[in-house]
Amino acid sequence: MTISAHPLVDRARRLAADLLAPEAERVDQEGVPASHIAAVKRSGLLGAVAPVTHGGAGAPPSVLRETAEILAGACCSTWFVQTQHHTPVQTLTQSELPVRERLLGPLARGELLSGVAYAHLRAYPRVPVRVHRRGAGWRFDGTVPWYTGWGLNDVLLLAGVTDTGEVLFAFAEACDQRGLRASPPMRLAALTASHTVSLELDGLWLPEEAVALRTPYERWAPGDRARTLGTNPAVFGVARSALSLLDEETAGPLRVRLADVRRRAYALADQAEPGERTGERLAVRADAYEVLRTATTAAVVAGGGRAMALTSRAQRLAREALFLLVQGQTAESRAAHLRTLAGTPPEPGGIRNT
């Protein structure tokens, strides 16, 4: 079976065509509705890479990439809310702790939607969220700067750093509770619809059986770093949607460029071990951003004055492109992208292929 013929890819296409794309401009202004999340839950897409033994599809990463492109190209806000879910599923799949059997099935079957609160770990050795042992569980204190899907998610996977330098991931209910308070929804230049807030943690206590991962930061960080080096499939989805707004004379050459960078990005994802060929991954990522910027800018130009309306599809896609420039960004990827924009080569001793 080819990837394009996979049942989940077909479901993603139908969801995008029947619901997400027709509603995208309204959602962009009003917020992702619970009905969109219910449709995603019913689709089976939340269990794409979850094990079959727990109700998932056990699909290869290529299927997850393809469905991400489709959803992001139709409604980037809905894609962004649901994409958070796959990290908790993958974390539980690899976990040997009791929480795996309690939550992996409901998450894989789409009975529950999970968000994530762990990007702040990349600020280490600064520790925005601290974790201390308290009795038969753990106390969380600090601030989660960004949390997406508040009011839509059922559970959240929360991370912090212990006194001994371990990262600890544990599940909590995604609601205001003792020790956990959400800010009002953030007003953002793009993806305000994604229900993004910050979380204040003041003595949130979670039991030991909520823990999904506990490992030294030095062991966790390389894997996280490797995941941020690749090109986000959403880039290709949003770029393809922008190209659909152009005439063929303009869109044709850009489609060739997009197909080339997509091929290179996915070849690296499939053929190189995580953490290898770092410089090449970052270069391809920068190339993908350039095609995205060009495609969405062309869509705005083609739309003329109408593209300045908040209800314009071209304008929405251009703002979503700006968001994707910084989503999942690390100091390393930021430095590489800025060097590309400035037209300067990598610094000696800097980013290298490995």
Protein backbone atom coordinates (compact mmCIF):
# COMPACT_ATOMS: atom_id res chain seq x y z
CA MET A 1 0.00 0.00 0.00
CA THR A 2 1.31 3.44 -0.90
CA ILE A 3 1.27 6.18 1.71
CA SER A 4 -1.29 8.17 -0.28
CA ALA A 5 -3.65 5.16 -0.23
CA HIS A 6 -3.40 4.57 3.53
CA PRO A 7 -6.85 4.71 5.22
CA LEU A 8 -5.70 7.42 7.65
CA VAL A 9 -4.52 9.61 4.76
CA ASP A 10 -7.91 9.21 3.14
CA ARG A 11 -9.65 10.13 6.40
CA ALA A 12 -7.44 13.20 6.78
CA ARG A 13 -8.31 14.31 3.24
CA ARG A 14 -12.03 13.92 3.86
CA LEU A 15 -11.85 15.73 7.21
CA ALA A 16 -9.89 18.55 5.61
CA ALA A 17 -12.21 18.91 2.60
CA ASP A 18 -15.53 18.48 4.40
CA LEU A 19 -14.90 20.43 7.62
CA LEU A 20 -11.53 22.04 8.24
CA ALA A 21 -10.86 23.99 5.03
CA PRO A 22 -14.40 25.40 4.63
CA GLU A 23 -14.36 26.65 8.24
CA ALA A 24 -10.71 27.77 8.44
CA GLU A 25 -11.21 31.53 8.15
CA ARG A 26 -13.99 31.52 10.74
CA VAL A 27 -11.96 29.34 13.08
CA ASP A 28 -8.96 31.63 12.68
CA GLN A 29 -11.04 34.49 14.09
CA GLU A 30 -13.23 32.67 16.59
CA GLY A 31 -11.11 29.77 17.84
CA VAL A 32 -10.95 26.03 17.29
CA PRO A 33 -14.38 24.70 18.34
CA ALA A 34 -14.95 21.57 20.40
CA SER A 35 -16.81 20.11 17.41
CA HIS A 36 -13.57 20.16 15.36
CA ILE A 37 -11.78 18.26 18.12
CA ALA A 38 -14.63 15.76 18.33
CA ALA A 39 -14.29 15.15 14.59
CA VAL A 40 -10.54 14.63 14.91
CA LYS A 41 -11.12 12.18 17.77
CA ARG A 42 -13.60 10.18 15.67
CA SER A 43 -11.25 10.08 12.68
CA GLY A 44 -8.69 7.76 14.27
CA LEU A 45 -5.87 10.18 13.43
CA LEU A 46 -4.91 10.64 17.08
CA GLY A 47 -3.77 7.02 17.19
CA ALA A 48 -1.83 7.10 13.92
CA VAL A 49 1.49 5.92 15.36
CA ALA A 50 0.12 4.29 18.53
CA PRO A 51 0.49 0.51 18.87
CA VAL A 52 -2.30 -1.65 17.49
CA THR A 53 -2.38 -3.54 20.80
CA HIS A 54 -3.76 -0.40 22.46
CA GLY A 55 -6.20 0.62 19.75
CA GLY A 56 -3.87 2.64 17.53
CA ALA A 57 -3.12 2.24 13.84
CA GLY A 58 0.59 1.45 14.18
CA ALA A 59 1.22 3.48 11.02
CA PRO A 60 4.75 4.43 9.90
CA PRO A 61 6.06 7.97 10.45
CA SER A 62 5.47 8.75 6.77
CA VAL A 63 1.72 8.46 7.33
CA LEU A 64 1.88 10.85 10.27
CA ARG A 65 3.81 13.31 8.09
CA GLU A 66 1.29 13.07 5.25
CA THR A 67 -1.72 13.56 7.51
CA ALA A 68 0.01 16.50 9.21
CA GLU A 69 0.51 18.18 5.83
CA ILE A 70 -3.15 17.71 4.96
CA LEU A 71 -4.52 19.00 8.26
CA ALA A 72 -2.14 21.96 8.47
CA GLY A 73 -2.87 22.98 4.91
CA ALA A 74 -6.60 22.95 5.66
CA CYS A 75 -6.65 24.60 9.12
CA CYS A 76 -3.32 25.18 10.80
CA SER A 77 -4.92 26.01 14.16
CA THR A 78 -6.76 22.69 14.36
CA TRP A 79 -3.63 20.86 13.23
CA PHE A 80 -1.58 22.58 15.93
CA VAL A 81 -3.97 21.61 18.71
CA GLN A 82 -4.09 17.96 17.71
CA THR A 83 -0.40 17.60 16.89
CA GLN A 84 0.47 18.09 20.57
CA HIS A 85 -1.23 14.76 21.24
CA HIS A 86 1.34 12.64 19.42
CA THR A 87 4.18 13.36 21.86
CA PRO A 88 2.28 11.96 24.87
CA VAL A 89 1.32 8.91 22.81
CA GLN A 90 4.94 8.31 21.79
CA THR A 91 6.14 8.92 25.35
CA LEU A 92 3.71 6.34 26.72
CA THR A 93 4.54 3.86 23.95
CA GLN A 94 8.17 3.92 25.11
CA SER A 95 7.36 4.00 28.84
CA GLU A 96 7.42 1.00 31.14
CA LEU A 97 5.69 2.80 34.02
CA PRO A 98 2.13 2.03 35.24
CA VAL A 99 0.59 5.12 33.62
CA ARG A 100 1.16 3.49 30.24
CA GLU A 101 -1.60 0.96 30.76
CA ARG A 102 -3.96 3.55 32.21
CA LEU A 103 -3.72 6.18 29.48
CA LEU A 104 -2.19 4.78 26.29
CA GLY A 105 -5.39 3.03 25.19
CA PRO A 106 -7.72 6.02 25.70
CA LEU A 107 -5.24 8.33 23.96
CA ALA A 108 -4.63 5.91 21.08
CA ARG A 109 -8.36 5.40 20.51
CA GLY A 110 -9.08 9.14 20.58
CA GLU A 111 -11.19 8.93 23.72
CA LEU A 112 -8.92 11.53 25.30
CA LEU A 113 -6.92 14.41 23.79
CA SER A 114 -3.63 15.35 25.41
CA GLY A 115 -1.62 18.54 25.32
CA VAL A 116 2.04 19.01 26.21
CA ALA A 117 3.91 21.38 28.50
CA TYR A 118 7.60 20.67 28.12
CA ALA A 119 9.24 23.09 25.63
CA HIS A 120 10.53 25.12 28.58
CA LEU A 121 12.98 22.30 29.28
CA ARG A 122 15.03 23.65 26.37
CA ALA A 123 15.91 26.68 28.53
CA TYR A 124 18.07 24.45 30.77
CA PRO A 125 20.16 25.16 32.88
CA ARG A 126 17.51 27.78 33.59
CA VAL A 127 14.61 25.89 35.17
CA PRO A 128 11.18 27.50 34.62
CA VAL A 129 9.43 24.51 36.22
CA ARG A 130 10.91 22.85 39.29
CA VAL A 131 9.90 19.42 40.62
CA HIS A 132 10.41 18.23 44.19
CA ARG A 133 9.59 14.92 45.83
CA ARG A 134 6.57 15.22 48.16
CA GLY A 135 5.45 12.07 49.91
CA ALA A 136 4.20 9.52 47.41
CA GLY A 137 4.33 11.96 44.53
CA TRP A 138 5.84 15.13 43.10
CA ARG A 139 5.29 18.87 43.55
CA PHE A 140 5.52 21.20 40.51
CA ASP A 141 6.30 24.92 40.83
CA GLY A 142 7.02 27.56 38.20
CA THR A 143 5.63 28.84 34.91
CA VAL A 144 4.86 27.08 31.65
CA PRO A 145 5.15 29.94 29.12
CA TRP A 146 3.12 28.25 26.37
CA TYR A 147 0.39 25.65 26.54
CA THR A 148 -1.85 24.95 23.55
CA GLY A 149 -5.35 23.50 23.56
CA TRP A 150 -6.55 24.77 26.93
CA GLY A 151 -10.26 24.03 27.23
CA LEU A 152 -10.04 21.45 24.46
CA ASN A 153 -7.58 18.94 25.93
CA ASP A 154 -8.60 16.34 28.48
CA VAL A 155 -5.14 15.75 29.95
CA LEU A 156 -1.72 17.37 29.73
CA LEU A 157 1.79 15.95 29.85
CA LEU A 158 3.73 18.27 32.16
CA ALA A 159 7.52 18.32 32.54
CA GLY A 160 9.95 19.87 34.98
CA VAL A 161 13.45 19.40 36.35
CA THR A 162 14.21 17.81 39.71
CA ASP A 163 16.81 18.85 42.28
CA THR A 164 19.13 16.15 40.91
CA GLY A 165 18.93 17.34 37.27
CA GLU A 166 16.42 14.79 36.04
CA VAL A 167 13.57 15.65 33.70
CA LEU A 168 10.26 14.30 34.95
CA PHE A 169 7.14 14.01 32.79
CA ALA A 170 3.77 13.36 34.42
CA PHE A 171 0.13 13.52 33.38
CA ALA A 172 -2.42 15.87 34.94
CA GLU A 173 -6.00 16.81 34.20
CA ALA A 174 -6.08 19.76 31.82
CA CYS A 175 -8.16 22.08 33.98
CA ASP A 176 -7.75 24.70 36.70
CA GLN A 177 -7.10 22.93 39.96
CA ARG A 178 -5.22 23.33 43.20
CA GLY A 179 -1.68 24.35 42.26
CA LEU A 180 -2.44 24.91 38.56
CA ARG A 181 -3.95 28.06 37.06
CA ALA A 182 -4.18 29.04 33.40
CA SER A 183 -3.86 32.58 32.06
CA PRO A 184 -6.52 34.07 29.80
CA PRO A 185 -6.09 32.94 26.17
CA MET A 186 -3.16 34.69 24.51
CA ARG A 187 -3.74 37.12 21.64
CA LEU A 188 -1.19 36.12 19.02
CA ALA A 189 -0.36 37.37 15.54
CA ALA A 190 -1.18 33.89 14.26
CA LEU A 191 -2.95 30.84 15.68
CA THR A 192 -4.77 32.75 18.41
CA ALA A 193 -7.45 30.18 17.60
CA SER A 194 -5.33 27.43 19.16
CA HIS A 195 -6.41 28.24 22.75
CA THR A 196 -2.83 28.94 23.88
CA VAL A 197 -2.26 30.04 27.48
CA SER A 198 0.50 30.10 30.06
CA LEU A 199 0.26 27.94 33.17
CA GLU A 200 1.15 29.01 36.70
CA LEU A 201 2.21 26.12 38.91
CA ASP A 202 2.16 26.72 42.65
CA GLY A 203 2.43 23.43 44.45
CA LEU A 204 0.66 21.22 41.91
CA TRP A 205 0.96 17.72 43.34
CA LEU A 206 0.87 14.65 41.10
CA PRO A 207 1.09 11.06 42.35
CA GLU A 208 3.91 8.71 41.42
CA GLU A 209 1.54 6.72 39.22
CA ALA A 210 1.08 9.80 36.98
CA VAL A 211 4.78 9.76 36.01
CA ALA A 212 5.50 8.71 32.40
CA LEU A 213 9.24 9.46 32.19
CA ARG A 214 12.07 10.23 34.59
CA THR A 215 15.60 10.46 33.24
CA PRO A 216 18.72 12.65 33.50
CA TYR A 217 18.47 15.82 31.42
CA GLU A 218 21.71 14.92 29.63
CA ARG A 219 20.12 11.69 28.44
CA TRP A 220 16.84 13.27 27.33
CA ALA A 221 18.18 16.41 25.62
CA PRO A 222 19.97 14.84 22.60
CA GLY A 223 16.81 13.07 21.47
CA ASP A 224 14.75 16.24 21.83
CA ARG A 225 17.39 18.22 19.97
CA ALA A 226 17.36 15.70 17.12
CA ARG A 227 13.58 16.01 16.77
CA THR A 228 13.80 19.78 16.32
CA LEU A 229 16.32 19.61 13.47
CA GLY A 230 13.98 18.28 10.83
CA THR A 231 11.47 20.16 8.71
CA ASN A 232 7.94 20.34 10.07
CA PRO A 233 5.48 18.70 7.62
CA ALA A 234 3.07 21.56 8.30
CA VAL A 235 5.42 23.80 6.30
CA PHE A 236 4.68 21.80 3.17
CA GLY A 237 0.94 21.74 3.84
CA VAL A 238 0.63 25.49 4.30
CA ALA A 239 2.89 26.18 1.30
CA ARG A 240 0.83 23.89 -0.91
CA SER A 241 -2.37 25.66 0.12
CA ALA A 242 -0.81 29.02 -0.73
CA LEU A 243 0.23 27.76 -4.16
CA SER A 244 -3.35 26.70 -4.85
CA LEU A 245 -4.29 30.39 -4.81
CA LEU A 246 -1.91 31.24 -7.68
CA ASP A 247 -2.17 30.87 -11.43
CA GLU A 248 -0.14 28.06 -12.93
CA GLU A 249 2.50 30.33 -14.42
CA THR A 250 3.42 31.58 -10.97
CA ALA A 251 2.75 28.39 -9.03
CA GLY A 252 4.50 25.94 -11.36
CA PRO A 253 8.14 26.79 -10.58
CA LEU A 254 7.35 27.06 -6.87
CA ARG A 255 5.74 23.62 -6.89
CA VAL A 256 8.97 22.20 -8.33
CA ARG A 257 11.00 23.86 -5.56
CA LEU A 258 8.56 22.66 -2.91
CA ALA A 259 8.64 19.08 -4.18
CA ASP A 260 12.44 19.10 -4.21
CA VAL A 261 12.87 20.36 -0.65
CA ARG A 262 10.13 18.03 0.60
CA ARG A 263 11.89 15.05 -0.99
CA ARG A 264 15.20 16.02 0.62
CA ALA A 265 13.63 16.62 4.02
CA TYR A 266 11.86 13.27 4.12
CA ALA A 267 14.86 11.39 2.76
CA LEU A 268 16.86 12.69 5.71
CA ALA A 269 14.08 11.74 8.10
CA ASP A 270 13.90 8.19 6.70
CA GLN A 271 17.54 7.43 5.93
CA ALA A 272 19.67 9.20 8.55
CA GLU A 273 19.81 8.31 12.22
CA PRO A 274 18.46 10.97 14.59
CA GLY A 275 21.20 13.47 15.34
CA GLU A 276 23.17 12.68 12.20
CA ARG A 277 23.77 15.04 9.25
CA THR A 278 22.85 17.99 11.44
CA GLY A 279 24.08 20.67 9.08
CA GLU A 280 22.20 19.18 6.14
CA ARG A 281 18.97 18.94 8.13
CA LEU A 282 19.19 22.58 9.18
CA ALA A 283 19.99 23.68 5.63
CA VAL A 284 16.98 21.82 4.24
CA ARG A 285 14.81 23.28 6.99
CA ALA A 286 15.92 26.79 6.00
CA ASP A 287 15.24 26.02 2.31
CA ALA A 288 11.74 24.86 3.20
CA TYR A 289 11.08 28.08 5.09
CA GLU A 290 12.21 30.08 2.08
CA VAL A 291 9.77 28.28 -0.22
CA LEU A 292 7.02 28.75 2.37
CA ARG A 293 7.75 32.46 2.64
CA THR A 294 7.80 32.87 -1.12
CA ALA A 295 4.57 30.91 -1.65
CA THR A 296 2.58 32.75 1.01
CA THR A 297 3.96 36.14 -0.06
CA ALA A 298 2.96 35.39 -3.65
CA ALA A 299 -0.54 34.50 -2.47
CA VAL A 300 -0.84 37.86 -0.70
CA VAL A 301 0.48 39.72 -3.76
CA ALA A 302 -1.96 37.89 -6.02
CA GLY A 303 -4.81 38.70 -3.65
CA GLY A 304 -4.08 42.42 -3.71
CA GLY A 305 -5.91 44.64 -1.28
CA ARG A 306 -8.37 41.87 -0.46
CA ALA A 307 -5.51 39.96 1.17
CA MET A 308 -5.37 42.56 3.94
CA ALA A 309 -8.76 41.48 5.26
CA LEU A 310 -8.62 39.16 8.25
CA THR A 311 -11.10 36.95 6.41
CA SER A 312 -8.66 36.45 3.51
CA ARG A 313 -7.32 32.96 3.06
CA ALA A 314 -4.03 34.31 1.68
CA GLN A 315 -3.55 36.54 4.71
CA ARG A 316 -4.30 33.69 7.11
CA LEU A 317 -1.77 31.45 5.38
CA ALA A 318 0.87 34.20 5.49
CA ARG A 319 0.39 34.60 9.24
CA GLU A 320 0.51 30.84 9.73
CA ALA A 321 3.79 30.80 7.82
CA LEU A 322 5.22 33.37 10.25
CA PHE A 323 4.17 31.13 13.13
CA LEU A 324 5.85 28.08 11.61
CA LEU A 325 9.14 30.01 11.39
CA VAL A 326 9.44 29.94 15.17
CA GLN A 327 7.42 26.86 16.14
CA GLY A 328 9.77 24.25 17.62
CA GLN A 329 12.68 26.67 17.33
CA THR A 330 15.88 26.12 19.33
CA ALA A 331 18.99 28.27 19.69
CA GLU A 332 20.74 26.05 17.15
CA SER A 333 18.01 26.15 14.51
CA ARG A 334 17.54 29.90 15.04
CA ALA A 335 21.26 30.56 14.51
CA ALA A 336 21.35 28.43 11.36
CA HIS A 337 18.27 30.10 9.91
CA LEU A 338 19.59 33.60 10.63
CA ARG A 339 22.88 32.74 8.92
CA THR A 340 20.94 31.58 5.87
CA LEU A 341 18.87 34.77 5.81
CA ALA A 342 22.04 36.85 6.10
CA GLY A 343 23.73 34.87 3.32
CA THR A 344 26.67 33.90 5.53
CA PRO A 345 28.26 30.43 5.83
CA PRO A 346 28.29 28.45 9.09
CA GLU A 347 30.78 29.70 11.63
CA PRO A 348 33.99 27.66 12.02
CA GLY A 349 33.43 25.02 14.64
CA GLY A 350 29.69 25.63 14.48
CA ILE A 351 27.03 23.40 12.97
CA ARG A 352 28.52 20.45 11.16
CA ASN A 353 27.36 17.31 9.45
CA THR A 354 28.03 14.30 11.62
